Amino acid sequence: MGERKTLRLVARHADACNLLAFDPTTVRHKLDVLARHCESEGRDPAGIEKTIITGSDPLDGADAFVASMEGYAELGIEKVWVGPPGPEPAAWVGRVTEKVVPRLREL
């Protein structure tokens, strides 16, 4: 998420940019910085996939999680990366896939 080096390198070379999901305001700022670097590089920022990673467990409150993702979707975030917090990752993935993923697709 470094504004001077990392996002400049993303603008120059990358197909995707993964940001930490601190809050939509921070992500918006980072995407604005990326867009300025893209302009300097003569590159269309639309050609870079935008993703976020969050430490939140979507199953701790699916409604709240989906609502929090709306702001990121409005910024053009195309994927959110999450990880299983407990000892049964396959079961967790199954529950997230069933309860949360379909709702995220609607955003």
PDB file of N, CA and C in Angstrom:
ATOM      1  N   MET A   1       0.818  -1.200   0.000  1.00  0.00           N
ATOM      2  CA  MET A   1       0.000   0.000   0.000  1.00  0.00           C
ATOM      3  C   MET A   1       0.856   1.256   0.000  1.00  0.00           C
ATOM      4  N   GLY A   2       2.167   1.080  -0.137  1.00  0.00           N
ATOM      5  CA  GLY A   2       3.053   2.231  -0.155  1.00  0.00           C
ATOM      6  C   GLY A   2       2.753   3.127  -1.343  1.00  0.00           C
ATOM      7  N   GLU A   3       2.574   4.403  -1.064  1.00  0.00           N
ATOM      8  CA  GLU A   3       2.131   5.325  -2.109  1.00  0.00           C
ATOM      9  C   GLU A   3       3.229   5.724  -3.083  1.00  0.00           C
ATOM     10  N   ARG A   4       4.459   5.816  -2.621  1.00  0.00           N
ATOM     11  CA  ARG A   4       5.520   6.290  -3.513  1.00  0.00           C
ATOM     12  C   ARG A   4       6.135   5.180  -4.356  1.00  0.00           C
ATOM     13  N   LYS A   5       6.320   4.010  -3.771  1.00  0.00           N
ATOM     14  CA  LYS A   5       6.983   2.939  -4.522  1.00  0.00           C
ATOM     15  C   LYS A   5       6.013   1.842  -4.967  1.00  0.00           C
ATOM     16  N   THR A   6       5.326   1.237  -4.015  1.00  0.00           N
ATOM     17  CA  THR A   6       4.513   0.069  -4.340  1.00  0.00           C
ATOM     18  C   THR A   6       3.421   0.401  -5.346  1.00  0.00           C
ATOM     19  N   LEU A   7       2.644   1.435  -5.086  1.00  0.00           N
ATOM     20  CA  LEU A   7       1.554   1.763  -6.014  1.00  0.00           C
ATOM     21  C   LEU A   7       2.089   2.264  -7.359  1.00  0.00           C
ATOM     22  N   ARG A   8       3.252   2.870  -7.352  1.00  0.00           N
ATOM     23  CA  ARG A   8       3.875   3.268  -8.622  1.00  0.00           C
ATOM     24  C   ARG A   8       4.265   2.028  -9.418  1.00  0.00           C
ATOM     25  N   LEU A   9       4.819   1.019  -8.735  1.00  0.00           N
ATOM     26  CA  LEU A   9       5.174  -0.236  -9.407  1.00  0.00           C
ATOM     27  C   LEU A   9       3.934  -0.977  -9.905  1.00  0.00           C
ATOM     28  N   VAL A  10       2.859  -0.924  -9.128  1.00  0.00           N
ATOM     29  CA  VAL A  10       1.604  -1.515  -9.585  1.00  0.00           C
ATOM     30  C   VAL A  10       1.161  -0.846 -10.878  1.00  0.00           C
ATOM     31  N   ALA A  11       1.198   0.479 -10.890  1.00  0.00           N
ATOM     32  CA  ALA A  11       0.787   1.218 -12.081  1.00  0.00           C
ATOM     33  C   ALA A  11       1.641   0.858 -13.292  1.00  0.00           C
ATOM     34  N   ARG A  12       2.887   0.599 -13.058  1.00  0.00           N
ATOM     35  CA  ARG A  12       3.811   0.318 -14.158  1.00  0.00           C
ATOM     36  C   ARG A  12       3.735  -1.123 -14.639  1.00  0.00           C
ATOM     37  N   HIS A  13       3.558  -2.080 -13.708  1.00  0.00           N
ATOM     38  CA  HIS A  13       3.765  -3.481 -14.072  1.00  0.00           C
ATOM     39  C   HIS A  13       2.635  -4.452 -13.756  1.00  0.00           C
ATOM     40  N   ALA A  14       1.763  -4.150 -12.817  1.00  0.00           N
ATOM     41  CA  ALA A  14       0.875  -5.177 -12.263  1.00  0.00           C
ATOM     42  C   ALA A  14      -0.459  -5.298 -13.003  1.00  0.00           C
ATOM     43  N   ASP A  15      -1.037  -6.480 -12.862  1.00  0.00           N
ATOM     44  CA  ASP A  15      -2.373  -6.746 -13.376  1.00  0.00           C
ATOM     45  C   ASP A  15      -3.424  -6.586 -12.288  1.00  0.00           C
ATOM     46  N   ALA A  16      -2.967  -6.567 -11.008  1.00  0.00           N
ATOM     47  CA  ALA A  16      -3.896  -6.465  -9.880  1.00  0.00           C
ATOM     48  C   ALA A  16      -3.244  -5.701  -8.742  1.00  0.00           C
ATOM     49  N   CYS A  17      -4.091  -5.169  -7.889  1.00  0.00           N
ATOM     50  CA  CYS A  17      -3.649  -4.428  -6.718  1.00  0.00           C
ATOM     51  C   CYS A  17      -4.498  -4.877  -5.530  1.00  0.00           C
ATOM     52  N   ASN A  18      -3.855  -5.426  -4.512  1.00  0.00           N
ATOM     53  CA  ASN A  18      -4.551  -5.902  -3.323  1.00  0.00           C
ATOM     54  C   ASN A  18      -4.242  -4.953  -2.168  1.00  0.00           C
ATOM     55  N   LEU A  19      -5.277  -4.354  -1.613  1.00  0.00           N
ATOM     56  CA  LEU A  19      -5.123  -3.379  -0.537  1.00  0.00           C
ATOM     57  C   LEU A  19      -5.700  -3.921   0.762  1.00  0.00           C
ATOM     58  N   LEU A  20      -5.180  -3.433   1.873  1.00  0.00           N
ATOM     59  CA  LEU A  20      -5.740  -3.784   3.175  1.00  0.00           C
ATOM     60  C   LEU A  20      -7.030  -3.002   3.380  1.00  0.00           C
ATOM     61  N   ALA A  21      -8.042  -3.689   3.847  1.00  0.00           N
ATOM     62  CA  ALA A  21      -9.361  -3.071   4.011  1.00  0.00           C
ATOM     63  C   ALA A  21      -9.479  -2.393   5.372  1.00  0.00           C
ATOM     64  N   PHE A  22      -8.702  -1.321   5.568  1.00  0.00           N
ATOM     65  CA  PHE A  22      -8.820  -0.571   6.818  1.00  0.00           C
ATOM     66  C   PHE A  22     -10.190   0.082   6.911  1.00  0.00           C
ATOM     67  N   ASP A  23     -10.551   0.797   5.862  1.00  0.00           N
ATOM     68  CA  ASP A  23     -11.856   1.444   5.745  1.00  0.00           C
ATOM     69  C   ASP A  23     -11.970   1.973   4.320  1.00  0.00           C
ATOM     70  N   PRO A  24     -13.188   2.208   3.828  1.00  0.00           N
ATOM     71  CA  PRO A  24     -13.348   2.676   2.446  1.00  0.00           C
ATOM     72  C   PRO A  24     -12.646   3.998   2.158  1.00  0.00           C
ATOM     73  N   THR A  25     -12.560   4.887   3.128  1.00  0.00           N
ATOM     74  CA  THR A  25     -11.895   6.174   2.896  1.00  0.00           C
ATOM     75  C   THR A  25     -10.415   5.970   2.585  1.00  0.00           C
ATOM     76  N   THR A  26      -9.756   5.108   3.344  1.00  0.00           N
ATOM     77  CA  THR A  26      -8.339   4.823   3.103  1.00  0.00           C
ATOM     78  C   THR A  26      -8.150   4.150   1.757  1.00  0.00           C
ATOM     79  N   VAL A  27      -9.005   3.187   1.446  1.00  0.00           N
ATOM     80  CA  VAL A  27      -8.893   2.488   0.165  1.00  0.00           C
ATOM     81  C   VAL A  27      -9.149   3.462  -0.979  1.00  0.00           C
ATOM     82  N   ARG A  28     -10.118   4.343  -0.842  1.00  0.00           N
ATOM     83  CA  ARG A  28     -10.375   5.352  -1.878  1.00  0.00           C
ATOM     84  C   ARG A  28      -9.115   6.196  -2.116  1.00  0.00           C
ATOM     85  N   HIS A  29      -8.480   6.619  -1.036  1.00  0.00           N
ATOM     86  CA  HIS A  29      -7.261   7.419  -1.167  1.00  0.00           C
ATOM     87  C   HIS A  29      -6.178   6.635  -1.919  1.00  0.00           C
ATOM     88  N   LYS A  30      -5.982   5.374  -1.554  1.00  0.00           N
ATOM     89  CA  LYS A  30      -4.955   4.550  -2.218  1.00  0.00           C
ATOM     90  C   LYS A  30      -5.283   4.362  -3.698  1.00  0.00           C
ATOM     91  N   LEU A  31      -6.555   4.181  -4.012  1.00  0.00           N
ATOM     92  CA  LEU A  31      -6.942   4.040  -5.419  1.00  0.00           C
ATOM     93  C   LEU A  31      -6.744   5.342  -6.187  1.00  0.00           C
ATOM     94  N   ASP A  32      -6.951   6.478  -5.524  1.00  0.00           N
ATOM     95  CA  ASP A  32      -6.677   7.774  -6.161  1.00  0.00           C
ATOM     96  C   ASP A  32      -5.186   7.929  -6.441  1.00  0.00           C
ATOM     97  N   VAL A  33      -4.365   7.513  -5.484  1.00  0.00           N
ATOM     98  CA  VAL A  33      -2.906   7.557  -5.686  1.00  0.00           C
ATOM     99  C   VAL A  33      -2.524   6.653  -6.848  1.00  0.00           C
ATOM    100  N   LEU A  34      -3.086   5.456  -6.869  1.00  0.00           N
ATOM    101  CA  LEU A  34      -2.813   4.529  -7.970  1.00  0.00           C
ATOM    102  C   LEU A  34      -3.223   5.139  -9.303  1.00  0.00           C
ATOM    103  N   ALA A  35      -4.370   5.774  -9.351  1.00  0.00           N
ATOM    104  CA  ALA A  35      -4.829   6.401 -10.600  1.00  0.00           C
ATOM    105  C   ALA A  35      -3.857   7.486 -11.062  1.00  0.00           C
ATOM    106  N   ARG A  36      -3.332   8.267 -10.135  1.00  0.00           N
ATOM    107  CA  ARG A  36      -2.347   9.299 -10.512  1.00  0.00           C
ATOM    108  C   ARG A  36      -1.069   8.666 -11.048  1.00  0.00           C
ATOM    109  N   HIS A  37      -0.622   7.578 -10.428  1.00  0.00           N
ATOM    110  CA  HIS A  37       0.559   6.876 -10.946  1.00  0.00           C
ATOM    111  C   HIS A  37       0.268   6.298 -12.329  1.00  0.00           C
ATOM    112  N   CYS A  38      -0.930   5.768 -12.518  1.00  0.00           N
ATOM    113  CA  CYS A  38      -1.301   5.238 -13.834  1.00  0.00           C
ATOM    114  C   CYS A  38      -1.260   6.344 -14.885  1.00  0.00           C
ATOM    115  N   GLU A  39      -1.758   7.511 -14.527  1.00  0.00           N
ATOM    116  CA  GLU A  39      -1.726   8.639 -15.455  1.00  0.00           C
ATOM    117  C   GLU A  39      -0.284   8.980 -15.835  1.00  0.00           C
ATOM    118  N   SER A  40       0.600   8.999 -14.857  1.00  0.00           N
ATOM    119  CA  SER A  40       2.016   9.286 -15.121  1.00  0.00           C
ATOM    120  C   SER A  40       2.652   8.229 -16.011  1.00  0.00           C
ATOM    121  N   GLU A  41       2.177   6.984 -15.868  1.00  0.00           N
ATOM    122  CA  GLU A  41       2.721   5.869 -16.648  1.00  0.00           C
ATOM    123  C   GLU A  41       2.025   5.708 -17.992  1.00  0.00           C
ATOM    124  N   GLY A  42       0.978   6.506 -18.230  1.00  0.00           N
ATOM    125  CA  GLY A  42       0.223   6.372 -19.473  1.00  0.00           C
ATOM    126  C   GLY A  42      -0.597   5.095 -19.518  1.00  0.00           C
ATOM    127  N   ARG A  43      -1.109   4.705 -18.378  1.00  0.00           N
ATOM    128  CA  ARG A  43      -1.860   3.450 -18.280  1.00  0.00           C
ATOM    129  C   ARG A  43      -3.264   3.714 -17.757  1.00  0.00           C
ATOM    130  N   ASP A  44      -4.221   2.976 -18.281  1.00  0.00           N
ATOM    131  CA  ASP A  44      -5.594   3.073 -17.826  1.00  0.00           C
ATOM    132  C   ASP A  44      -5.737   2.275 -16.531  1.00  0.00           C
ATOM    133  N   PRO A  45      -6.122   2.913 -15.419  1.00  0.00           N
ATOM    134  CA  PRO A  45      -6.267   2.175 -14.165  1.00  0.00           C
ATOM    135  C   PRO A  45      -7.352   1.102 -14.214  1.00  0.00           C
ATOM    136  N   ALA A  46      -8.260   1.192 -15.159  1.00  0.00           N
ATOM    137  CA  ALA A  46      -9.305   0.179 -15.294  1.00  0.00           C
ATOM    138  C   ALA A  46      -8.720  -1.185 -15.666  1.00  0.00           C
ATOM    139  N   GLY A  47      -7.503  -1.198 -16.187  1.00  0.00           N
ATOM    140  CA  GLY A  47      -6.850  -2.445 -16.552  1.00  0.00           C
ATOM    141  C   GLY A  47      -6.221  -3.171 -15.384  1.00  0.00           C
ATOM    142  N   ILE A  48      -6.333  -2.608 -14.184  1.00  0.00           N
ATOM    143  CA  ILE A  48      -5.770  -3.228 -12.988  1.00  0.00           C
ATOM    144  C   ILE A  48      -6.912  -3.712 -12.104  1.00  0.00           C
ATOM    145  N   GLU A  49      -6.927  -4.989 -11.814  1.00  0.00           N
ATOM    146  CA  GLU A  49      -7.953  -5.536 -10.924  1.00  0.00           C
ATOM    147  C   GLU A  49      -7.702  -5.018  -9.510  1.00  0.00           C
ATOM    148  N   LYS A  50      -8.762  -4.557  -8.852  1.00  0.00           N
ATOM    149  CA  LYS A  50      -8.652  -4.022  -7.498  1.00  0.00           C
ATOM    150  C   LYS A  50      -9.292  -4.988  -6.517  1.00  0.00           C
ATOM    151  N   THR A  51      -8.502  -5.407  -5.508  1.00  0.00           N
ATOM    152  CA  THR A  51      -8.983  -6.331  -4.501  1.00  0.00           C
ATOM    153  C   THR A  51      -8.608  -5.812  -3.118  1.00  0.00           C
ATOM    154  N   ILE A  52      -9.275  -6.374  -2.102  1.00  0.00           N
ATOM    155  CA  ILE A  52      -8.926  -6.048  -0.724  1.00  0.00           C
ATOM    156  C   ILE A  52      -8.767  -7.335   0.064  1.00  0.00           C
ATOM    157  N   ILE A  53      -8.040  -7.233   1.148  1.00  0.00           N
ATOM    158  CA  ILE A  53      -7.915  -8.329   2.096  1.00  0.00           C
ATOM    159  C   ILE A  53      -8.367  -7.807   3.451  1.00  0.00           C
ATOM    160  N   THR A  54      -9.136  -8.622   4.144  1.00  0.00           N
ATOM    161  CA  THR A  54      -9.643  -8.215   5.453  1.00  0.00           C
ATOM    162  C   THR A  54      -9.431  -9.326   6.463  1.00  0.00           C
ATOM    163  N   GLY A  55      -9.232  -8.941   7.689  1.00  0.00           N
ATOM    164  CA  GLY A  55      -9.104  -9.911   8.766  1.00  0.00           C
ATOM    165  C   GLY A  55     -10.442 -10.262   9.382  1.00  0.00           C
ATOM    166  N   SER A  56     -11.502  -9.667   8.884  1.00  0.00           N
ATOM    167  CA  SER A  56     -12.840  -9.930   9.418  1.00  0.00           C
ATOM    168  C   SER A  56     -13.315 -11.315   9.020  1.00  0.00           C
ATOM    169  N   ASP A  57     -14.051 -11.951   9.911  1.00  0.00           N
ATOM    170  CA  ASP A  57     -14.680 -13.229   9.606  1.00  0.00           C
ATOM    171  C   ASP A  57     -16.114 -12.941   9.169  1.00  0.00           C
ATOM    172  N   PRO A  58     -16.440 -13.174   7.911  1.00  0.00           N
ATOM    173  CA  PRO A  58     -17.789 -12.879   7.427  1.00  0.00           C
ATOM    174  C   PRO A  58     -18.884 -13.611   8.187  1.00  0.00           C
ATOM    175  N   LEU A  59     -18.544 -14.712   8.830  1.00  0.00           N
ATOM    176  CA  LEU A  59     -19.553 -15.489   9.545  1.00  0.00           C
ATOM    177  C   LEU A  59     -19.850 -14.932  10.932  1.00  0.00           C
ATOM    178  N   ASP A  60     -19.032 -13.993  11.408  1.00  0.00           N
ATOM    179  CA  ASP A  60     -19.300 -13.362  12.700  1.00  0.00           C
ATOM    180  C   ASP A  60     -20.519 -12.449  12.634  1.00  0.00           C
ATOM    181  N   GLY A  61     -20.933 -12.118  11.461  1.00  0.00           N
ATOM    182  CA  GLY A  61     -22.104 -11.264  11.239  1.00  0.00           C
ATOM    183  C   GLY A  61     -22.231 -11.006   9.755  1.00  0.00           C
ATOM    184  N   ALA A  62     -22.862 -11.925   9.065  1.00  0.00           N
ATOM    185  CA  ALA A  62     -22.937 -11.854   7.599  1.00  0.00           C
ATOM    186  C   ALA A  62     -23.580 -10.559   7.126  1.00  0.00           C
ATOM    187  N   ASP A  63     -24.648 -10.120   7.785  1.00  0.00           N
ATOM    188  CA  ASP A  63     -25.315  -8.884   7.361  1.00  0.00           C
ATOM    189  C   ASP A  63     -24.372  -7.689   7.457  1.00  0.00           C
ATOM    190  N   ALA A  64     -23.687  -7.574   8.579  1.00  0.00           N
ATOM    191  CA  ALA A  64     -22.756  -6.458   8.771  1.00  0.00           C
ATOM    192  C   ALA A  64     -21.592  -6.539   7.795  1.00  0.00           C
ATOM    193  N   PHE A  65     -21.093  -7.755   7.567  1.00  0.00           N
ATOM    194  CA  PHE A  65     -19.976  -7.919   6.640  1.00  0.00           C
ATOM    195  C   PHE A  65     -20.371  -7.481   5.232  1.00  0.00           C
ATOM    196  N   VAL A  66     -21.507  -7.969   4.762  1.00  0.00           N
ATOM    197  CA  VAL A  66     -21.959  -7.608   3.417  1.00  0.00           C
ATOM    198  C   VAL A  66     -22.197  -6.103   3.330  1.00  0.00           C
ATOM    199  N   ALA A  67     -22.792  -5.522   4.352  1.00  0.00           N
ATOM    200  CA  ALA A  67     -23.022  -4.070   4.355  1.00  0.00           C
ATOM    201  C   ALA A  67     -21.701  -3.315   4.300  1.00  0.00           C
ATOM    202  N   SER A  68     -20.699  -3.795   5.017  1.00  0.00           N
ATOM    203  CA  SER A  68     -19.402  -3.110   5.001  1.00  0.00           C
ATOM    204  C   SER A  68     -18.717  -3.222   3.646  1.00  0.00           C
ATOM    205  N   MET A  69     -19.015  -4.266   2.897  1.00  0.00           N
ATOM    206  CA  MET A  69     -18.401  -4.464   1.587  1.00  0.00           C
ATOM    207  C   MET A  69     -19.026  -3.574   0.515  1.00  0.00           C
ATOM    208  N   GLU A  70     -20.223  -3.054   0.768  1.00  0.00           N
ATOM    209  CA  GLU A  70     -20.875  -2.181  -0.208  1.00  0.00           C
ATOM    210  C   GLU A  70     -20.015  -0.970  -0.540  1.00  0.00           C
ATOM    211  N   GLY A  71     -19.436  -0.354   0.466  1.00  0.00           N
ATOM    212  CA  GLY A  71     -18.592   0.813   0.236  1.00  0.00           C
ATOM    213  C   GLY A  71     -17.382   0.501  -0.622  1.00  0.00           C
ATOM    214  N   TYR A  72     -16.819  -0.677  -0.426  1.00  0.00           N
ATOM    215  CA  TYR A  72     -15.672  -1.084  -1.244  1.00  0.00           C
ATOM    216  C   TYR A  72     -16.110  -1.384  -2.677  1.00  0.00           C
ATOM    217  N   ALA A  73     -17.248  -2.021  -2.838  1.00  0.00           N
ATOM    218  CA  ALA A  73     -17.759  -2.320  -4.179  1.00  0.00           C
ATOM    219  C   ALA A  73     -17.984  -1.030  -4.958  1.00  0.00           C
ATOM    220  N   GLU A  74     -18.485  -0.010  -4.287  1.00  0.00           N
ATOM    221  CA  GLU A  74     -18.712   1.281  -4.945  1.00  0.00           C
ATOM    222  C   GLU A  74     -17.412   1.915  -5.423  1.00  0.00           C
ATOM    223  N   LEU A  75     -16.296   1.537  -4.795  1.00  0.00           N
ATOM    224  CA  LEU A  75     -14.987   2.056  -5.207  1.00  0.00           C
ATOM    225  C   LEU A  75     -14.388   1.268  -6.367  1.00  0.00           C
ATOM    226  N   GLY A  76     -15.038   0.171  -6.749  1.00  0.00           N
ATOM    227  CA  GLY A  76     -14.523  -0.648  -7.837  1.00  0.00           C
ATOM    228  C   GLY A  76     -13.756  -1.876  -7.377  1.00  0.00           C
ATOM    229  N   ILE A  77     -13.835  -2.181  -6.090  1.00  0.00           N
ATOM    230  CA  ILE A  77     -13.183  -3.392  -5.592  1.00  0.00           C
ATOM    231  C   ILE A  77     -13.929  -4.590  -6.161  1.00  0.00           C
ATOM    232  N   GLU A  78     -13.164  -5.498  -6.758  1.00  0.00           N
ATOM    233  CA  GLU A  78     -13.764  -6.628  -7.443  1.00  0.00           C
ATOM    234  C   GLU A  78     -13.748  -7.924  -6.651  1.00  0.00           C
ATOM    235  N   LYS A  79     -12.847  -8.025  -5.684  1.00  0.00           N
ATOM    236  CA  LYS A  79     -12.743  -9.236  -4.856  1.00  0.00           C
ATOM    237  C   LYS A  79     -12.357  -8.834  -3.448  1.00  0.00           C
ATOM    238  N   VAL A  80     -12.799  -9.655  -2.512  1.00  0.00           N
ATOM    239  CA  VAL A  80     -12.370  -9.503  -1.127  1.00  0.00           C
ATOM    240  C   VAL A  80     -11.781 -10.840  -0.688  1.00  0.00           C
ATOM    241  N   TRP A  81     -10.606 -10.776  -0.096  1.00  0.00           N
ATOM    242  CA  TRP A  81      -9.925 -11.982   0.371  1.00  0.00           C
ATOM    243  C   TRP A  81     -10.143 -12.118   1.874  1.00  0.00           C
ATOM    244  N   VAL A  82     -10.589 -13.280   2.288  1.00  0.00           N
ATOM    245  CA  VAL A  82     -10.784 -13.607   3.693  1.00  0.00           C
ATOM    246  C   VAL A  82     -10.145 -14.971   3.946  1.00  0.00           C
ATOM    247  N   GLY A  83      -9.942 -15.293   5.208  1.00  0.00           N
ATOM    248  CA  GLY A  83      -9.355 -16.584   5.532  1.00  0.00           C
ATOM    249  C   GLY A  83     -10.020 -17.210   6.738  1.00  0.00           C
ATOM    250  N   PRO A  84     -10.013 -18.526   6.793  1.00  0.00           N
ATOM    251  CA  PRO A  84     -10.667 -19.225   7.892  1.00  0.00           C
ATOM    252  C   PRO A  84      -9.924 -19.001   9.210  1.00  0.00           C
ATOM    253  N   PRO A  85     -10.666 -18.639  10.262  1.00  0.00           N
ATOM    254  CA  PRO A  85     -10.028 -18.360  11.534  1.00  0.00           C
ATOM    255  C   PRO A  85      -9.859 -19.573  12.437  1.00  0.00           C
ATOM    256  N   GLY A  86     -10.512 -20.665  12.135  1.00  0.00           N
ATOM    257  CA  GLY A  86     -10.517 -21.784  13.068  1.00  0.00           C
ATOM    258  C   GLY A  86      -9.870 -23.040  12.538  1.00  0.00           C
ATOM    259  N   PRO A  87     -10.054 -24.132  13.279  1.00  0.00           N
ATOM    260  CA  PRO A  87      -9.385 -25.392  12.950  1.00  0.00           C
ATOM    261  C   PRO A  87     -10.052 -26.201  11.831  1.00  0.00           C
ATOM    262  N   GLU A  88     -11.204 -25.740  11.325  1.00  0.00           N
ATOM    263  CA  GLU A  88     -11.901 -26.489  10.272  1.00  0.00           C
ATOM    264  C   GLU A  88     -12.087 -25.604   9.035  1.00  0.00           C
ATOM    265  N   PRO A  89     -11.017 -25.365   8.286  1.00  0.00           N
ATOM    266  CA  PRO A  89     -11.113 -24.428   7.156  1.00  0.00           C
ATOM    267  C   PRO A  89     -12.079 -24.862   6.066  1.00  0.00           C
ATOM    268  N   ALA A  90     -12.171 -26.141   5.777  1.00  0.00           N
ATOM    269  CA  ALA A  90     -13.071 -26.586   4.705  1.00  0.00           C
ATOM    270  C   ALA A  90     -14.527 -26.314   5.070  1.00  0.00           C
ATOM    271  N   ALA A  91     -14.897 -26.581   6.308  1.00  0.00           N
ATOM    272  CA  ALA A  91     -16.274 -26.318   6.743  1.00  0.00           C
ATOM    273  C   ALA A  91     -16.560 -24.825   6.717  1.00  0.00           C
ATOM    274  N   TRP A  92     -15.587 -24.029   7.147  1.00  0.00           N
ATOM    275  CA  TRP A  92     -15.744 -22.567   7.145  1.00  0.00           C
ATOM    276  C   TRP A  92     -15.965 -22.061   5.720  1.00  0.00           C
ATOM    277  N   VAL A  93     -15.142 -22.536   4.791  1.00  0.00           N
ATOM    278  CA  VAL A  93     -15.276 -22.124   3.395  1.00  0.00           C
ATOM    279  C   VAL A  93     -16.654 -22.497   2.870  1.00  0.00           C
ATOM    280  N   GLY A  94     -17.131 -23.674   3.210  1.00  0.00           N
ATOM    281  CA  GLY A  94     -18.464 -24.090   2.783  1.00  0.00           C
ATOM    282  C   GLY A  94     -19.552 -23.158   3.298  1.00  0.00           C
ATOM    283  N   ARG A  95     -19.449 -22.755   4.559  1.00  0.00           N
ATOM    284  CA  ARG A  95     -20.455 -21.858   5.134  1.00  0.00           C
ATOM    285  C   ARG A  95     -20.375 -20.461   4.502  1.00  0.00           C
ATOM    286  N   VAL A  96     -19.173 -19.957   4.300  1.00  0.00           N
ATOM    287  CA  VAL A  96     -19.021 -18.637   3.666  1.00  0.00           C
ATOM    288  C   VAL A  96     -19.557 -18.676   2.247  1.00  0.00           C
ATOM    289  N   THR A  97     -19.247 -19.736   1.528  1.00  0.00           N
ATOM    290  CA  THR A  97     -19.713 -19.880   0.152  1.00  0.00           C
ATOM    291  C   THR A  97     -21.230 -19.920   0.084  1.00  0.00           C
ATOM    292  N   GLU A  98     -21.845 -20.555   1.049  1.00  0.00           N
ATOM    293  CA  GLU A  98     -23.296 -20.682   1.073  1.00  0.00           C
ATOM    294  C   GLU A  98     -23.985 -19.403   1.557  1.00  0.00           C
ATOM    295  N   LYS A  99     -23.465 -18.788   2.616  1.00  0.00           N
ATOM    296  CA  LYS A  99     -24.173 -17.695   3.282  1.00  0.00           C
ATOM    297  C   LYS A  99     -23.763 -16.296   2.853  1.00  0.00           C
ATOM    298  N   VAL A 100     -22.539 -16.136   2.378  1.00  0.00           N
ATOM    299  CA  VAL A 100     -22.034 -14.781   2.130  1.00  0.00           C
ATOM    300  C   VAL A 100     -21.740 -14.509   0.658  1.00  0.00           C
ATOM    301  N   VAL A 101     -21.098 -15.421  -0.021  1.00  0.00           N
ATOM    302  CA  VAL A 101     -20.661 -15.179  -1.399  1.00  0.00           C
ATOM    303  C   VAL A 101     -21.809 -14.787  -2.326  1.00  0.00           C
ATOM    304  N   PRO A 102     -22.959 -15.469  -2.286  1.00  0.00           N
ATOM    305  CA  PRO A 102     -24.043 -15.044  -3.184  1.00  0.00           C
ATOM    306  C   PRO A 102     -24.475 -13.595  -2.946  1.00  0.00           C
ATOM    307  N   ARG A 103     -24.437 -13.160  -1.716  1.00  0.00           N
ATOM    308  CA  ARG A 103     -24.823 -11.789  -1.401  1.00  0.00           C
ATOM    309  C   ARG A 103     -23.779 -10.798  -1.885  1.00  0.00           C
ATOM    310  N   LEU A 104     -22.510 -11.175  -1.844  1.00  0.00           N
ATOM    311  CA  LEU A 104     -21.452 -10.296  -2.344  1.00  0.00           C
ATOM    312  C   LEU A 104     -21.550 -10.142  -3.857  1.00  0.00           C
ATOM    313  N   ARG A 105     -21.936 -11.204  -4.541  1.00  0.00           N
ATOM    314  CA  ARG A 105     -22.077 -11.119  -6.002  1.00  0.00           C
ATOM    315  C   ARG A 105     -23.080 -10.044  -6.413  1.00  0.00           C
ATOM    316  N   GLU A 106     -24.081  -9.817  -5.576  1.00  0.00           N
ATOM    317  CA  GLU A 106     -25.107  -8.827  -5.889  1.00  0.00           C
ATOM    318  C   GLU A 106     -24.594  -7.397  -5.807  1.00  0.00           C
ATOM    319  N   LEU A 107     -23.474  -7.205  -5.124  1.00  0.00           N
ATOM    320  CA  LEU A 107     -22.942  -5.845  -4.997  1.00  0.00           C
ATOM    321  C   LEU A 107     -22.315  -5.423  -6.300  1.00  0.00           C
TER     322      LEU A 107
END
